[in-house]
Amino acid sequence: MDKTVVSLSQYKKSPDSLIETISLCNGLEDLNVEDQVFIKPNLVGYGTIFPMPLYGIFTTTRLVEDMIIALKDYGQKGLLLVKDLYI
């Protein structure tokens, strides 16, 4: 059985904290820069519009931006950010 590697780090500075966390678990090692990356965050919260819940329901816009920055710094060419459509 393969072991899954995870990493946990404290958020200190954007986007460095996310990049450090990804690096600790070699999170991009199997990603080819020619691959298309599909990012589908959970409900994106803006903080000032919606009250932040006690437990991780929202993905903050800061985290989404940091992930895009990390992928672009890695050299990723194809990114697709998808958000739910609520009517």
C-alpha atoms as a PDB file:
ATOM      1  CA  MET A   1       0.000   0.000   0.000  1.00  0.00           C
ATOM      2  CA  ASP A   2       1.368   3.390  -1.000  1.00  0.00           C
ATOM      3  CA  LYS A   3       1.718   6.026   1.662  1.00  0.00           C
ATOM      4  CA  THR A   4       0.186   9.417   1.052  1.00  0.00           C
ATOM      5  CA  VAL A   5       2.365  12.387   1.893  1.00  0.00           C
ATOM      6  CA  VAL A   6       0.694  15.462   3.319  1.00  0.00           C
ATOM      7  CA  SER A   7       2.054  18.693   4.714  1.00  0.00           C
ATOM      8  CA  LEU A   8       0.782  21.180   7.211  1.00  0.00           C
ATOM      9  CA  SER A   9       2.184  24.620   7.804  1.00  0.00           C
ATOM     10  CA  GLN A  10       1.150  27.849   9.446  1.00  0.00           C
ATOM     11  CA  TYR A  11      -0.038  30.677   7.221  1.00  0.00           C
ATOM     12  CA  LYS A  12       2.456  33.508   7.597  1.00  0.00           C
ATOM     13  CA  LYS A  13       2.794  35.325   4.300  1.00  0.00           C
ATOM     14  CA  SER A  14       1.058  35.124   0.978  1.00  0.00           C
ATOM     15  CA  PRO A  15       1.856  33.346  -1.377  1.00  0.00           C
ATOM     16  CA  ASP A  16       4.968  31.982   0.338  1.00  0.00           C
ATOM     17  CA  SER A  17       3.042  29.938   2.914  1.00  0.00           C
ATOM     18  CA  LEU A  18       1.137  27.954   0.292  1.00  0.00           C
ATOM     19  CA  ILE A  19       4.244  27.472  -1.860  1.00  0.00           C
ATOM     20  CA  GLU A  20       6.129  26.172   1.205  1.00  0.00           C
ATOM     21  CA  THR A  21       3.305  23.758   2.034  1.00  0.00           C
ATOM     22  CA  ILE A  22       3.195  22.426  -1.529  1.00  0.00           C
ATOM     23  CA  SER A  23       6.985  22.004  -1.515  1.00  0.00           C
ATOM     24  CA  LEU A  24       7.005  20.084   1.780  1.00  0.00           C
ATOM     25  CA  CYS A  25       4.967  17.268   0.232  1.00  0.00           C
ATOM     26  CA  ASN A  26       6.418  17.540  -3.302  1.00  0.00           C
ATOM     27  CA  GLY A  27       2.924  18.433  -4.398  1.00  0.00           C
ATOM     28  CA  LEU A  28       3.812  19.403  -7.959  1.00  0.00           C
ATOM     29  CA  GLU A  29       6.420  16.741  -8.741  1.00  0.00           C
ATOM     30  CA  ASP A  30       4.139  14.645 -10.979  1.00  0.00           C
ATOM     31  CA  LEU A  31       2.623  17.642 -12.745  1.00  0.00           C
ATOM     32  CA  ASN A  32       3.698  18.261 -16.317  1.00  0.00           C
ATOM     33  CA  VAL A  33       3.731  21.978 -17.181  1.00  0.00           C
ATOM     34  CA  GLU A  34       1.931  21.104 -20.410  1.00  0.00           C
ATOM     35  CA  ASP A  35      -1.005  19.560 -18.482  1.00  0.00           C
ATOM     36  CA  GLN A  36      -4.249  21.462 -18.089  1.00  0.00           C
ATOM     37  CA  VAL A  37      -4.968  22.268 -14.427  1.00  0.00           C
ATOM     38  CA  PHE A  38      -8.607  22.567 -13.380  1.00  0.00           C
ATOM     39  CA  ILE A  39      -9.139  24.579 -10.167  1.00  0.00           C
ATOM     40  CA  LYS A  40     -12.584  24.272  -8.613  1.00  0.00           C
ATOM     41  CA  PRO A  41     -12.578  25.901  -5.171  1.00  0.00           C
ATOM     42  CA  ASN A  42     -15.359  25.430  -2.664  1.00  0.00           C
ATOM     43  CA  LEU A  43     -17.541  28.474  -2.094  1.00  0.00           C
ATOM     44  CA  VAL A  44     -15.237  31.437  -2.422  1.00  0.00           C
ATOM     45  CA  GLY A  45     -15.650  33.889   0.433  1.00  0.00           C
ATOM     46  CA  TYR A  46     -14.636  37.503   0.364  1.00  0.00           C
ATOM     47  CA  GLY A  47     -14.595  37.930   4.133  1.00  0.00           C
ATOM     48  CA  THR A  48     -16.348  41.283   4.194  1.00  0.00           C
ATOM     49  CA  ILE A  49     -19.444  40.120   2.311  1.00  0.00           C
ATOM     50  CA  PHE A  50     -20.082  36.831   4.087  1.00  0.00           C
ATOM     51  CA  PRO A  51     -19.169  36.003   7.666  1.00  0.00           C
ATOM     52  CA  MET A  52     -16.442  33.386   7.761  1.00  0.00           C
ATOM     53  CA  PRO A  53     -17.649  30.041   9.141  1.00  0.00           C
ATOM     54  CA  LEU A  54     -15.850  28.364  12.029  1.00  0.00           C
ATOM     55  CA  TYR A  55     -14.798  25.379   9.925  1.00  0.00           C
ATOM     56  CA  GLY A  56     -13.325  25.270   6.421  1.00  0.00           C
ATOM     57  CA  ILE A  57     -16.310  25.739   4.169  1.00  0.00           C
ATOM     58  CA  PHE A  58     -15.000  28.709   2.216  1.00  0.00           C
ATOM     59  CA  THR A  59     -11.935  28.892   0.045  1.00  0.00           C
ATOM     60  CA  THR A  60     -10.673  32.439   0.362  1.00  0.00           C
ATOM     61  CA  THR A  61      -9.933  34.476  -2.720  1.00  0.00           C
ATOM     62  CA  ARG A  62      -6.413  34.917  -1.324  1.00  0.00           C
ATOM     63  CA  LEU A  63      -5.827  31.151  -1.341  1.00  0.00           C
ATOM     64  CA  VAL A  64      -7.130  30.806  -4.894  1.00  0.00           C
ATOM     65  CA  GLU A  65      -4.839  33.629  -6.038  1.00  0.00           C
ATOM     66  CA  ASP A  66      -1.887  32.080  -4.173  1.00  0.00           C
ATOM     67  CA  MET A  67      -2.509  28.716  -5.889  1.00  0.00           C
ATOM     68  CA  ILE A  68      -2.565  30.400  -9.293  1.00  0.00           C
ATOM     69  CA  ILE A  69       0.676  32.220  -8.453  1.00  0.00           C
ATOM     70  CA  ALA A  70       2.312  28.959  -7.298  1.00  0.00           C
ATOM     71  CA  LEU A  71       1.289  27.149 -10.484  1.00  0.00           C
ATOM     72  CA  LYS A  72       2.438  29.998 -12.727  1.00  0.00           C
ATOM     73  CA  ASP A  73       5.785  30.167 -10.866  1.00  0.00           C
ATOM     74  CA  TYR A  74       6.124  26.415 -11.437  1.00  0.00           C
ATOM     75  CA  GLY A  75       5.744  27.100 -15.153  1.00  0.00           C
ATOM     76  CA  GLN A  76       2.227  25.773 -15.597  1.00  0.00           C
ATOM     77  CA  LYS A  77       0.788  26.859 -18.927  1.00  0.00           C
ATOM     78  CA  GLY A  78      -2.849  25.779 -18.839  1.00  0.00           C
ATOM     79  CA  LEU A  79      -5.059  26.873 -15.941  1.00  0.00           C
ATOM     80  CA  LEU A  80      -8.823  26.729 -15.793  1.00  0.00           C
ATOM     81  CA  LEU A  81     -10.623  28.312 -12.829  1.00  0.00           C
ATOM     82  CA  VAL A  82     -14.232  27.177 -12.532  1.00  0.00           C
ATOM     83  CA  LYS A  83     -16.846  28.581 -10.164  1.00  0.00           C
ATOM     84  CA  ASP A  84     -20.328  27.284  -9.450  1.00  0.00           C
ATOM     85  CA  LEU A  85     -23.235  29.048 -11.050  1.00  0.00           C
ATOM     86  CA  TYR A  86     -26.010  29.948  -8.641  1.00  0.00           C
ATOM     87  CA  ILE A  87     -29.329  31.165  -9.946  1.00  0.00           C
END
